[in-house]
Amino acid sequence: MTQRYQAFAGPMLMLIADNGVAITLSSGQNAWVIGRLDPVSNSLPDVDLTPVDPEYTSSRRHAQLSLNGDQAYLTSLTRTNWTKVNGQRLIADQPTPIQSGDRLEFGKVAVTFRQ
């Protein structure tokens, strides 16, 4: 049996939910929309929080995580259902630098960012 290995380009980014679910952000991108999948409204975020958001407290397009070099940024895309970093509410449309280990909140969904 031949094993295939895919070359990894760039840092591995993960969001780890409080319930232990780990969401790995796909490599080869430098920006990811985080939200809730909703085929009816054609909302198809890069990171779907639906499995860790049974109460639907996150918005369909809640936030964007982006990389500029080695620095990660979180930008809130909503003015409702708050986005928070370490308990501090973000102002919509303003990129905020984040670090590995920061606690991110999308509505009632809390995750730990790992870079």
PDB file of N, CA and C in Angstrom:
ATOM      1  N   MET A   1       0.845  -1.172   0.000  1.00  0.00           N
ATOM      2  CA  MET A   1       0.000   0.000   0.000  1.00  0.00           C
ATOM      3  C   MET A   1       0.896   1.243   0.000  1.00  0.00           C
ATOM      4  N   THR A   2       0.616   2.155  -0.858  1.00  0.00           N
ATOM      5  CA  THR A   2       1.367   3.392  -0.941  1.00  0.00           C
ATOM      6  C   THR A   2       0.681   4.469  -0.125  1.00  0.00           C
ATOM      7  N   GLN A   3       1.453   5.145   0.719  1.00  0.00           N
ATOM      8  CA  GLN A   3       0.895   6.255   1.479  1.00  0.00           C
ATOM      9  C   GLN A   3       1.179   7.549   0.744  1.00  0.00           C
ATOM     10  N   ARG A   4       0.220   8.449   0.799  1.00  0.00           N
ATOM     11  CA  ARG A   4       0.400   9.752   0.165  1.00  0.00           C
ATOM     12  C   ARG A   4       0.464  10.803   1.250  1.00  0.00           C
ATOM     13  N   TYR A   5       1.390  11.701   1.083  1.00  0.00           N
ATOM     14  CA  TYR A   5       1.544  12.795   2.025  1.00  0.00           C
ATOM     15  C   TYR A   5       1.367  14.093   1.273  1.00  0.00           C
ATOM     16  N   GLN A   6       0.636  14.987   1.907  1.00  0.00           N
ATOM     17  CA  GLN A   6       0.432  16.298   1.299  1.00  0.00           C
ATOM     18  C   GLN A   6       1.385  17.273   1.971  1.00  0.00           C
ATOM     19  N   ALA A   7       2.119  18.013   1.173  1.00  0.00           N
ATOM     20  CA  ALA A   7       3.031  19.007   1.733  1.00  0.00           C
ATOM     21  C   ALA A   7       2.214  20.070   2.458  1.00  0.00           C
ATOM     22  N   PHE A   8       2.683  20.426   3.622  1.00  0.00           N
ATOM     23  CA  PHE A   8       1.980  21.438   4.405  1.00  0.00           C
ATOM     24  C   PHE A   8       2.642  22.770   4.163  1.00  0.00           C
ATOM     25  N   ALA A   9       1.874  23.735   3.687  1.00  0.00           N
ATOM     26  CA  ALA A   9       2.392  25.079   3.435  1.00  0.00           C
ATOM     27  C   ALA A   9       1.748  26.045   4.409  1.00  0.00           C
ATOM     28  N   GLY A  10       2.559  26.683   5.202  1.00  0.00           N
ATOM     29  CA  GLY A  10       2.041  27.689   6.114  1.00  0.00           C
ATOM     30  C   GLY A  10       1.737  27.121   7.480  1.00  0.00           C
ATOM     31  N   PRO A  11       1.376  28.004   8.400  1.00  0.00           N
ATOM     32  CA  PRO A  11       1.109  27.575   9.771  1.00  0.00           C
ATOM     33  C   PRO A  11      -0.204  26.805   9.869  1.00  0.00           C
ATOM     34  N   MET A  12      -0.288  25.921  10.867  1.00  0.00           N
ATOM     35  CA  MET A  12      -1.536  25.219  11.121  1.00  0.00           C
ATOM     36  C   MET A  12      -2.347  26.069  12.092  1.00  0.00           C
ATOM     37  N   LEU A  13      -3.546  26.405  11.694  1.00  0.00           N
ATOM     38  CA  LEU A  13      -4.421  27.210  12.531  1.00  0.00           C
ATOM     39  C   LEU A  13      -5.600  26.354  12.963  1.00  0.00           C
ATOM     40  N   MET A  14      -5.942  26.452  14.247  1.00  0.00           N
ATOM     41  CA  MET A  14      -7.054  25.664  14.774  1.00  0.00           C
ATOM     42  C   MET A  14      -7.893  26.513  15.712  1.00  0.00           C
ATOM     43  N   LEU A  15      -9.167  26.149  15.765  1.00  0.00           N
ATOM     44  CA  LEU A  15     -10.090  26.681  16.760  1.00  0.00           C
ATOM     45  C   LEU A  15     -10.539  25.480  17.577  1.00  0.00           C
ATOM     46  N   ILE A  16     -10.338  25.525  18.887  1.00  0.00           N
ATOM     47  CA  ILE A  16     -10.704  24.405  19.736  1.00  0.00           C
ATOM     48  C   ILE A  16     -11.860  24.833  20.625  1.00  0.00           C
ATOM     49  N   ALA A  17     -13.029  24.233  20.406  1.00  0.00           N
ATOM     50  CA  ALA A  17     -14.236  24.585  21.153  1.00  0.00           C
ATOM     51  C   ALA A  17     -14.130  24.069  22.581  1.00  0.00           C
ATOM     52  N   ASP A  18     -14.914  24.673  23.467  1.00  0.00           N
ATOM     53  CA  ASP A  18     -14.923  24.270  24.873  1.00  0.00           C
ATOM     54  C   ASP A  18     -15.289  22.799  25.057  1.00  0.00           C
ATOM     55  N   ASN A  19     -16.063  22.239  24.114  1.00  0.00           N
ATOM     56  CA  ASN A  19     -16.449  20.833  24.240  1.00  0.00           C
ATOM     57  C   ASN A  19     -15.392  19.890  23.651  1.00  0.00           C
ATOM     58  N   GLY A  20     -14.235  20.448  23.241  1.00  0.00           N
ATOM     59  CA  GLY A  20     -13.132  19.639  22.741  1.00  0.00           C
ATOM     60  C   GLY A  20     -13.079  19.470  21.240  1.00  0.00           C
ATOM     61  N   VAL A  21     -14.107  19.893  20.526  1.00  0.00           N
ATOM     62  CA  VAL A  21     -14.106  19.782  19.072  1.00  0.00           C
ATOM     63  C   VAL A  21     -13.030  20.715  18.504  1.00  0.00           C
ATOM     64  N   ALA A  22     -12.160  20.171  17.678  1.00  0.00           N
ATOM     65  CA  ALA A  22     -11.094  20.949  17.051  1.00  0.00           C
ATOM     66  C   ALA A  22     -11.458  21.209  15.587  1.00  0.00           C
ATOM     67  N   ILE A  23     -11.401  22.457  15.200  1.00  0.00           N
ATOM     68  CA  ILE A  23     -11.687  22.863  13.823  1.00  0.00           C
ATOM     69  C   ILE A  23     -10.375  23.353  13.226  1.00  0.00           C
ATOM     70  N   THR A  24      -9.871  22.640  12.222  1.00  0.00           N
ATOM     71  CA  THR A  24      -8.632  23.026  11.560  1.00  0.00           C
ATOM     72  C   THR A  24      -8.968  23.893  10.355  1.00  0.00           C
ATOM     73  N   LEU A  25      -8.326  25.044  10.270  1.00  0.00           N
ATOM     74  CA  LEU A  25      -8.550  25.930   9.139  1.00  0.00           C
ATOM     75  C   LEU A  25      -7.725  25.442   7.958  1.00  0.00           C
ATOM     76  N   SER A  26      -8.347  25.405   6.803  1.00  0.00           N
ATOM     77  CA  SER A  26      -7.679  24.848   5.628  1.00  0.00           C
ATOM     78  C   SER A  26      -6.460  25.685   5.260  1.00  0.00           C
ATOM     79  N   SER A  27      -5.390  24.966   4.888  1.00  0.00           N
ATOM     80  CA  SER A  27      -4.175  25.654   4.479  1.00  0.00           C
ATOM     81  C   SER A  27      -4.357  26.183   3.060  1.00  0.00           C
ATOM     82  N   GLY A  28      -3.472  27.042   2.656  1.00  0.00           N
ATOM     83  CA  GLY A  28      -3.541  27.606   1.315  1.00  0.00           C
ATOM     84  C   GLY A  28      -4.414  28.849   1.236  1.00  0.00           C
ATOM     85  N   GLN A  29      -4.937  29.290   2.352  1.00  0.00           N
ATOM     86  CA  GLN A  29      -5.742  30.508   2.407  1.00  0.00           C
ATOM     87  C   GLN A  29      -5.078  31.467   3.383  1.00  0.00           C
ATOM     88  N   ASN A  30      -5.432  32.746   3.276  1.00  0.00           N
ATOM     89  CA  ASN A  30      -4.969  33.699   4.270  1.00  0.00           C
ATOM     90  C   ASN A  30      -6.137  34.434   4.928  1.00  0.00           C
ATOM     91  N   ALA A  31      -7.367  34.008   4.610  1.00  0.00           N
ATOM     92  CA  ALA A  31      -8.557  34.579   5.250  1.00  0.00           C
ATOM     93  C   ALA A  31      -9.678  33.545   5.241  1.00  0.00           C
ATOM     94  N   TRP A  32     -10.423  33.489   6.364  1.00  0.00           N
ATOM     95  CA  TRP A  32     -11.510  32.533   6.519  1.00  0.00           C
ATOM     96  C   TRP A  32     -12.706  33.239   7.134  1.00  0.00           C
ATOM     97  N   VAL A  33     -13.879  33.088   6.517  1.00  0.00           N
ATOM     98  CA  VAL A  33     -15.116  33.592   7.115  1.00  0.00           C
ATOM     99  C   VAL A  33     -15.613  32.531   8.088  1.00  0.00           C
ATOM    100  N   ILE A  34     -15.939  32.969   9.304  1.00  0.00           N
ATOM    101  CA  ILE A  34     -16.421  32.087  10.361  1.00  0.00           C
ATOM    102  C   ILE A  34     -17.892  32.377  10.574  1.00  0.00           C
ATOM    103  N   GLY A  35     -18.723  31.351  10.568  1.00  0.00           N
ATOM    104  CA  GLY A  35     -20.158  31.558  10.755  1.00  0.00           C
ATOM    105  C   GLY A  35     -20.907  30.248  10.798  1.00  0.00           C
ATOM    106  N   ARG A  36     -22.150  30.324  10.380  1.00  0.00           N
ATOM    107  CA  ARG A  36     -23.044  29.173  10.437  1.00  0.00           C
ATOM    108  C   ARG A  36     -23.531  28.843   9.045  1.00  0.00           C
ATOM    109  N   LEU A  37     -23.433  27.580   8.691  1.00  0.00           N
ATOM    110  CA  LEU A  37     -23.925  27.099   7.403  1.00  0.00           C
ATOM    111  C   LEU A  37     -25.439  27.259   7.336  1.00  0.00           C
ATOM    112  N   ASP A  38     -25.920  27.819   6.243  1.00  0.00           N
ATOM    113  CA  ASP A  38     -27.359  27.944   6.018  1.00  0.00           C
ATOM    114  C   ASP A  38     -27.612  27.859   4.518  1.00  0.00           C
ATOM    115  N   PRO A  39     -27.867  26.641   4.001  1.00  0.00           N
ATOM    116  CA  PRO A  39     -28.067  26.480   2.559  1.00  0.00           C
ATOM    117  C   PRO A  39     -29.247  27.271   2.021  1.00  0.00           C
ATOM    118  N   VAL A  40     -30.258  27.529   2.842  1.00  0.00           N
ATOM    119  CA  VAL A  40     -31.435  28.265   2.379  1.00  0.00           C
ATOM    120  C   VAL A  40     -31.051  29.685   1.957  1.00  0.00           C
ATOM    121  N   SER A  41     -30.206  30.340   2.760  1.00  0.00           N
ATOM    122  CA  SER A  41     -29.789  31.702   2.425  1.00  0.00           C
ATOM    123  C   SER A  41     -28.463  31.723   1.673  1.00  0.00           C
ATOM    124  N   ASN A  42     -27.978  30.532   1.295  1.00  0.00           N
ATOM    125  CA  ASN A  42     -26.724  30.375   0.574  1.00  0.00           C
ATOM    126  C   ASN A  42     -25.525  30.895   1.384  1.00  0.00           C
ATOM    127  N   SER A  43     -25.584  30.766   2.705  1.00  0.00           N
ATOM    128  CA  SER A  43     -24.475  31.141   3.568  1.00  0.00           C
ATOM    129  C   SER A  43     -23.561  29.935   3.719  1.00  0.00           C
ATOM    130  N   LEU A  44     -22.378  30.025   3.135  1.00  0.00           N
ATOM    131  CA  LEU A  44     -21.424  28.922   3.144  1.00  0.00           C
ATOM    132  C   LEU A  44     -20.084  29.432   3.682  1.00  0.00           C
ATOM    133  N   PRO A  45     -19.969  29.608   5.000  1.00  0.00           N
ATOM    134  CA  PRO A  45     -18.708  30.124   5.554  1.00  0.00           C
ATOM    135  C   PRO A  45     -17.582  29.111   5.397  1.00  0.00           C
ATOM    136  N   ASP A  46     -16.350  29.602   5.454  1.00  0.00           N
ATOM    137  CA  ASP A  46     -15.187  28.710   5.392  1.00  0.00           C
ATOM    138  C   ASP A  46     -15.102  27.848   6.649  1.00  0.00           C
ATOM    139  N   VAL A  47     -15.504  28.425   7.781  1.00  0.00           N
ATOM    140  CA  VAL A  47     -15.507  27.716   9.061  1.00  0.00           C
ATOM    141  C   VAL A  47     -16.945  27.672   9.551  1.00  0.00           C
ATOM    142  N   ASP A  48     -17.531  26.473   9.578  1.00  0.00           N
ATOM    143  CA  ASP A  48     -18.927  26.297   9.979  1.00  0.00           C
ATOM    144  C   ASP A  48     -19.003  25.977  11.475  1.00  0.00           C
ATOM    145  N   LEU A  49     -19.622  26.871  12.246  1.00  0.00           N
ATOM    146  CA  LEU A  49     -19.762  26.684  13.687  1.00  0.00           C
ATOM    147  C   LEU A  49     -20.990  25.868  14.075  1.00  0.00           C
ATOM    148  N   THR A  50     -21.802  25.474  13.111  1.00  0.00           N
ATOM    149  CA  THR A  50     -23.046  24.767  13.409  1.00  0.00           C
ATOM    150  C   THR A  50     -22.850  23.570  14.352  1.00  0.00           C
ATOM    151  N   PRO A  51     -21.823  22.733  14.161  1.00  0.00           N
ATOM    152  CA  PRO A  51     -21.673  21.578  15.067  1.00  0.00           C
ATOM    153  C   PRO A  51     -21.411  21.951  16.530  1.00  0.00           C
ATOM    154  N   VAL A  52     -20.910  23.147  16.791  1.00  0.00           N
ATOM    155  CA  VAL A  52     -20.627  23.557  18.167  1.00  0.00           C
ATOM    156  C   VAL A  52     -21.548  24.683  18.628  1.00  0.00           C
ATOM    157  N   ASP A  53     -22.587  24.967  17.839  1.00  0.00           N
ATOM    158  CA  ASP A  53     -23.522  26.056  18.153  1.00  0.00           C
ATOM    159  C   ASP A  53     -24.969  25.566  18.051  1.00  0.00           C
ATOM    160  N   PRO A  54     -25.387  24.655  18.947  1.00  0.00           N
ATOM    161  CA  PRO A  54     -26.732  24.089  18.843  1.00  0.00           C
ATOM    162  C   PRO A  54     -27.846  25.107  19.064  1.00  0.00           C
ATOM    163  N   GLU A  55     -27.534  26.249  19.686  1.00  0.00           N
ATOM    164  CA  GLU A  55     -28.549  27.280  19.925  1.00  0.00           C
ATOM    165  C   GLU A  55     -28.588  28.332  18.821  1.00  0.00           C
ATOM    166  N   TYR A  56     -27.744  28.194  17.818  1.00  0.00           N
ATOM    167  CA  TYR A  56     -27.683  29.140  16.694  1.00  0.00           C
ATOM    168  C   TYR A  56     -27.452  30.573  17.169  1.00  0.00           C
ATOM    169  N   THR A  57     -26.444  30.777  18.032  1.00  0.00           N
ATOM    170  CA  THR A  57     -26.153  32.113  18.536  1.00  0.00           C
ATOM    171  C   THR A  57     -25.128  32.851  17.691  1.00  0.00           C
ATOM    172  N   SER A  58     -24.441  32.132  16.815  1.00  0.00           N
ATOM    173  CA  SER A  58     -23.503  32.807  15.920  1.00  0.00           C
ATOM    174  C   SER A  58     -24.235  33.213  14.649  1.00  0.00           C
ATOM    175  N   SER A  59     -23.746  34.270  14.032  1.00  0.00           N
ATOM    176  CA  SER A  59     -24.349  34.764  12.788  1.00  0.00           C
ATOM    177  C   SER A  59     -23.876  33.914  11.611  1.00  0.00           C
ATOM    178  N   ARG A  60     -24.595  34.005  10.529  1.00  0.00           N
ATOM    179  CA  ARG A  60     -24.212  33.235   9.338  1.00  0.00           C
ATOM    180  C   ARG A  60     -22.834  33.666   8.838  1.00  0.00           C
ATOM    181  N   ARG A  61     -22.563  34.950   8.853  1.00  0.00           N
ATOM    182  CA  ARG A  61     -21.237  35.518   8.542  1.00  0.00           C
ATOM    183  C   ARG A  61     -20.837  36.313   9.777  1.00  0.00           C
ATOM    184  N   HIS A  62     -20.211  35.654  10.718  1.00  0.00           N
ATOM    185  CA  HIS A  62     -19.984  36.253  12.029  1.00  0.00           C
ATOM    186  C   HIS A  62     -18.668  37.037  12.113  1.00  0.00           C
ATOM    187  N   ALA A  63     -17.598  36.443  11.623  1.00  0.00           N
ATOM    188  CA  ALA A  63     -16.286  37.071  11.743  1.00  0.00           C
ATOM    189  C   ALA A  63     -15.382  36.579  10.628  1.00  0.00           C
ATOM    190  N   GLN A  64     -14.262  37.261  10.500  1.00  0.00           N
ATOM    191  CA  GLN A  64     -13.242  36.810   9.554  1.00  0.00           C
ATOM    192  C   GLN A  64     -11.915  36.716  10.289  1.00  0.00           C
ATOM    193  N   LEU A  65     -11.254  35.586  10.128  1.00  0.00           N
ATOM    194  CA  LEU A  65      -9.913  35.395  10.653  1.00  0.00           C
ATOM    195  C   LEU A  65      -8.973  35.516   9.474  1.00  0.00           C
ATOM    196  N   SER A  66      -7.926  36.320   9.608  1.00  0.00           N
ATOM    197  CA  SER A  66      -7.002  36.513   8.494  1.00  0.00           C
ATOM    198  C   SER A  66      -5.569  36.497   8.989  1.00  0.00           C
ATOM    199  N   LEU A  67      -4.660  36.225   8.067  1.00  0.00           N
ATOM    200  CA  LEU A  67      -3.235  36.229   8.353  1.00  0.00           C
ATOM    201  C   LEU A  67      -2.560  37.289   7.507  1.00  0.00           C
ATOM    202  N   ASN A  68      -1.659  38.026   8.143  1.00  0.00           N
ATOM    203  CA  ASN A  68      -0.775  38.947   7.437  1.00  0.00           C
ATOM    204  C   ASN A  68       0.629  38.590   7.909  1.00  0.00           C
ATOM    205  N   GLY A  69       1.330  37.802   7.115  1.00  0.00           N
ATOM    206  CA  GLY A  69       2.597  37.235   7.562  1.00  0.00           C
ATOM    207  C   GLY A  69       2.307  36.223   8.660  1.00  0.00           C
ATOM    208  N   ASP A  70       2.963  36.372   9.796  1.00  0.00           N
ATOM    209  CA  ASP A  70       2.734  35.474  10.928  1.00  0.00           C
ATOM    210  C   ASP A  70       1.687  36.003  11.894  1.00  0.00           C
ATOM    211  N   GLN A  71       1.191  37.214  11.656  1.00  0.00           N
ATOM    212  CA  GLN A  71       0.221  37.820  12.567  1.00  0.00           C
ATOM    213  C   GLN A  71      -1.209  37.482  12.139  1.00  0.00           C
ATOM    214  N   ALA A  72      -1.988  36.953  13.087  1.00  0.00           N
ATOM    215  CA  ALA A  72      -3.400  36.648  12.838  1.00  0.00           C
ATOM    216  C   ALA A  72      -4.257  37.813  13.326  1.00  0.00           C
ATOM    217  N   TYR A  73      -5.363  38.043  12.628  1.00  0.00           N
ATOM    218  CA  TYR A  73      -6.310  39.098  12.969  1.00  0.00           C
ATOM    219  C   TYR A  73      -7.718  38.528  12.966  1.00  0.00           C
ATOM    220  N   LEU A  74      -8.550  39.033  13.850  1.00  0.00           N
ATOM    221  CA  LEU A  74      -9.965  38.681  13.874  1.00  0.00           C
ATOM    222  C   LEU A  74     -10.762  39.950  13.644  1.00  0.00           C
ATOM    223  N   THR A  75     -11.700  39.889  12.705  1.00  0.00           N
ATOM    224  CA  THR A  75     -12.550  41.024  12.377  1.00  0.00           C
ATOM    225  C   THR A  75     -14.000  40.597  12.548  1.00  0.00           C
ATOM    226  N   SER A  76     -14.741  41.318  13.368  1.00  0.00           N
ATOM    227  CA  SER A  76     -16.164  41.037  13.531  1.00  0.00           C
ATOM    228  C   SER A  76     -16.909  41.509  12.291  1.00  0.00           C
ATOM    229  N   LEU A  77     -17.799  40.680  11.779  1.00  0.00           N
ATOM    230  CA  LEU A  77     -18.610  41.042  10.618  1.00  0.00           C
ATOM    231  C   LEU A  77     -20.046  41.332  11.016  1.00  0.00           C
ATOM    232  N   THR A  78     -20.324  41.341  12.308  1.00  0.00           N
ATOM    233  CA  THR A  78     -21.695  41.525  12.783  1.00  0.00           C
ATOM    234  C   THR A  78     -21.747  42.615  13.843  1.00  0.00           C
ATOM    235  N   ARG A  79     -22.870  43.301  13.897  1.00  0.00           N
ATOM    236  CA  ARG A  79     -23.094  44.305  14.936  1.00  0.00           C
ATOM    237  C   ARG A  79     -24.072  43.783  15.994  1.00  0.00           C
ATOM    238  N   THR A  80     -24.508  42.551  15.821  1.00  0.00           N
ATOM    239  CA  THR A  80     -25.338  41.854  16.814  1.00  0.00           C
ATOM    240  C   THR A  80     -24.566  40.605  17.218  1.00  0.00           C
ATOM    241  N   ASN A  81     -25.084  39.751  18.028  1.00  0.00           N
ATOM    242  CA  ASN A  81     -24.442  38.461  18.369  1.00  0.00           C
ATOM    243  C   ASN A  81     -22.933  38.584  18.592  1.00  0.00           C
ATOM    244  N   TRP A  82     -22.471  39.450  19.316  1.00  0.00           N
ATOM    245  CA  TRP A  82     -21.102  39.899  19.539  1.00  0.00           C
ATOM    246  C   TRP A  82     -19.990  38.915  19.208  1.00  0.00           C
ATOM    247  N   THR A  83     -18.870  39.510  18.815  1.00  0.00           N
ATOM    248  CA  THR A  83     -17.606  38.789  18.668  1.00  0.00           C
ATOM    249  C   THR A  83     -16.696  39.332  19.758  1.00  0.00           C
ATOM    250  N   LYS A  84     -16.031  38.429  20.493  1.00  0.00           N
ATOM    251  CA  LYS A  84     -15.160  38.857  21.590  1.00  0.00           C
ATOM    252  C   LYS A  84     -13.807  38.156  21.502  1.00  0.00           C
ATOM    253  N   VAL A  85     -12.787  38.857  21.985  1.00  0.00           N
ATOM    254  CA  VAL A  85     -11.451  38.287  22.156  1.00  0.00           C
ATOM    255  C   VAL A  85     -11.080  38.473  23.619  1.00  0.00           C
ATOM    256  N   ASN A  86     -10.863  37.365  24.315  1.00  0.00           N
ATOM    257  CA  ASN A  86     -10.527  37.400  25.743  1.00  0.00           C
ATOM    258  C   ASN A  86     -11.512  38.251  26.539  1.00  0.00           C
ATOM    259  N   GLY A  87     -12.794  38.126  26.190  1.00  0.00           N
ATOM    260  CA  GLY A  87     -13.859  38.816  26.917  1.00  0.00           C
ATOM    261  C   GLY A  87     -14.134  40.244  26.460  1.00  0.00           C
ATOM    262  N   GLN A  88     -13.318  40.778  25.572  1.00  0.00           N
ATOM    263  CA  GLN A  88     -13.509  42.147  25.084  1.00  0.00           C
ATOM    264  C   GLN A  88     -14.256  42.140  23.756  1.00  0.00           C
ATOM    265  N   ARG A  89     -15.381  42.846  23.726  1.00  0.00           N
ATOM    266  CA  ARG A  89     -16.197  42.902  22.518  1.00  0.00           C
ATOM    267  C   ARG A  89     -15.477  43.702  21.432  1.00  0.00           C
ATOM    268  N   LEU A  90     -15.508  43.173  20.208  1.00  0.00           N
ATOM    269  CA  LEU A  90     -14.868  43.843  19.078  1.00  0.00           C
ATOM    270  C   LEU A  90     -15.826  44.809  18.410  1.00  0.00           C
ATOM    271  N   ILE A  91     -15.261  45.864  17.869  1.00  0.00           N
ATOM    272  CA  ILE A  91     -16.027  46.795  17.038  1.00  0.00           C
ATOM    273  C   ILE A  91     -16.050  46.204  15.636  1.00  0.00           C
ATOM    274  N   ALA A  92     -17.223  46.193  15.017  1.00  0.00           N
ATOM    275  CA  ALA A  92     -17.373  45.587  13.689  1.00  0.00           C
ATOM    276  C   ALA A  92     -16.438  46.241  12.677  1.00  0.00           C
ATOM    277  N   ASP A  93     -15.926  45.414  11.793  1.00  0.00           N
ATOM    278  CA  ASP A  93     -15.110  45.828  10.643  1.00  0.00           C
ATOM    279  C   ASP A  93     -13.746  46.403  11.012  1.00  0.00           C
ATOM    280  N   GLN A  94     -13.270  46.166  12.238  1.00  0.00           N
ATOM    281  CA  GLN A  94     -11.937  46.620  12.639  1.00  0.00           C
ATOM    282  C   GLN A  94     -11.077  45.403  12.990  1.00  0.00           C
ATOM    283  N   PRO A  95     -10.081  45.088  12.155  1.00  0.00           N
ATOM    284  CA  PRO A  95      -9.219  43.936  12.444  1.00  0.00           C
ATOM    285  C   PRO A  95      -8.506  44.104  13.791  1.00  0.00           C
ATOM    286  N   THR A  96      -8.518  43.037  14.585  1.00  0.00           N
ATOM    287  CA  THR A  96      -7.882  43.029  15.898  1.00  0.00           C
ATOM    288  C   THR A  96      -6.839  41.920  15.918  1.00  0.00           C
ATOM    289  N   PRO A  97      -5.588  42.246  16.275  1.00  0.00           N
ATOM    290  CA  PRO A  97      -4.576  41.191  16.334  1.00  0.00           C
ATOM    291  C   PRO A  97      -4.908  40.177  17.419  1.00  0.00           C
ATOM    292  N   ILE A  98      -4.680  38.900  17.113  1.00  0.00           N
ATOM    293  CA  ILE A  98      -4.898  37.827  18.089  1.00  0.00           C
ATOM    294  C   ILE A  98      -3.653  36.961  18.151  1.00  0.00           C
ATOM    295  N   GLN A  99      -3.516  36.256  19.285  1.00  0.00           N
ATOM    296  CA  GLN A  99      -2.357  35.405  19.528  1.00  0.00           C
ATOM    297  C   GLN A  99      -2.831  33.988  19.831  1.00  0.00           C
ATOM    298  N   SER A 100      -1.948  33.044  19.661  1.00  0.00           N
ATOM    299  CA  SER A 100      -2.247  31.667  20.026  1.00  0.00           C
ATOM    300  C   SER A 100      -2.586  31.618  21.508  1.00  0.00           C
ATOM    301  N   GLY A 101      -3.679  30.930  21.834  1.00  0.00           N
ATOM    302  CA  GLY A 101      -4.151  30.827  23.211  1.00  0.00           C
ATOM    303  C   GLY A 101      -5.268  31.795  23.543  1.00  0.00           C
ATOM    304  N   ASP A 102      -5.534  32.768  22.668  1.00  0.00           N
ATOM    305  CA  ASP A 102      -6.627  33.710  22.917  1.00  0.00           C
ATOM    306  C   ASP A 102      -7.965  32.985  22.863  1.00  0.00           C
ATOM    307  N   ARG A 103      -8.885  33.442  23.711  1.00  0.00           N
ATOM    308  CA  ARG A 103     -10.254  32.905  23.744  1.00  0.00           C
ATOM    309  C   ARG A 103     -11.116  33.786  22.842  1.00  0.00           C
ATOM    310  N   LEU A 104     -11.730  33.170  21.842  1.00  0.00           N
ATOM    311  CA  LEU A 104     -12.588  33.872  20.891  1.00  0.00           C
ATOM    312  C   LEU A 104     -14.026  33.462  21.141  1.00  0.00           C
ATOM    313  N   GLU A 105     -14.942  34.414  21.069  1.00  0.00           N
ATOM    314  CA  GLU A 105     -16.360  34.112  21.253  1.00  0.00           C
ATOM    315  C   GLU A 105     -17.152  34.646  20.059  1.00  0.00           C
ATOM    316  N   PHE A 106     -18.003  33.772  19.547  1.00  0.00           N
ATOM    317  CA  PHE A 106     -18.906  34.094  18.441  1.00  0.00           C
ATOM    318  C   PHE A 106     -20.306  33.821  18.954  1.00  0.00           C
ATOM    319  N   GLY A 107     -21.017  34.851  19.424  1.00  0.00           N
ATOM    320  CA  GLY A 107     -22.265  34.613  20.133  1.00  0.00           C
ATOM    321  C   GLY A 107     -21.933  33.858  21.406  1.00  0.00           C
ATOM    322  N   LYS A 108     -22.574  32.711  21.630  1.00  0.00           N
ATOM    323  CA  LYS A 108     -22.291  31.896  22.819  1.00  0.00           C
ATOM    324  C   LYS A 108     -21.256  30.806  22.555  1.00  0.00           C
ATOM    325  N   VAL A 109     -20.703  30.764  21.367  1.00  0.00           N
ATOM    326  CA  VAL A 109     -19.688  29.772  21.021  1.00  0.00           C
ATOM    327  C   VAL A 109     -18.310  30.303  21.415  1.00  0.00           C
ATOM    328  N   ALA A 110     -17.628  29.574  22.293  1.00  0.00           N
ATOM    329  CA  ALA A 110     -16.293  29.960  22.734  1.00  0.00           C
ATOM    330  C   ALA A 110     -15.283  28.937  22.228  1.00  0.00           C
ATOM    331  N   VAL A 111     -14.187  29.446  21.670  1.00  0.00           N
ATOM    332  CA  VAL A 111     -13.115  28.597  21.168  1.00  0.00           C
ATOM    333  C   VAL A 111     -11.777  29.185  21.597  1.00  0.00           C
ATOM    334  N   THR A 112     -10.769  28.354  21.589  1.00  0.00           N
ATOM    335  CA  THR A 112      -9.409  28.807  21.817  1.00  0.00           C
ATOM    336  C   THR A 112      -8.677  28.780  20.477  1.00  0.00           C
ATOM    337  N   PHE A 113      -8.008  29.868  20.155  1.00  0.00           N
ATOM    338  CA  PHE A 113      -7.260  29.975  18.906  1.00  0.00           C
ATOM    339  C   PHE A 113      -5.880  29.375  19.102  1.00  0.00           C
ATOM    340  N   ARG A 114      -5.460  28.518  18.180  1.00  0.00           N
ATOM    341  CA  ARG A 114      -4.123  27.924  18.191  1.00  0.00           C
ATOM    342  C   ARG A 114      -3.446  28.184  16.859  1.00  0.00           C
ATOM    343  N   GLN A 115      -2.219  28.657  16.944  1.00  0.00           N
ATOM    344  CA  GLN A 115      -1.452  28.952  15.728  1.00  0.00           C
ATOM    345  C   GLN A 115      -0.128  28.233  15.797  1.00  0.00           C
TER     346      GLN A 115
END
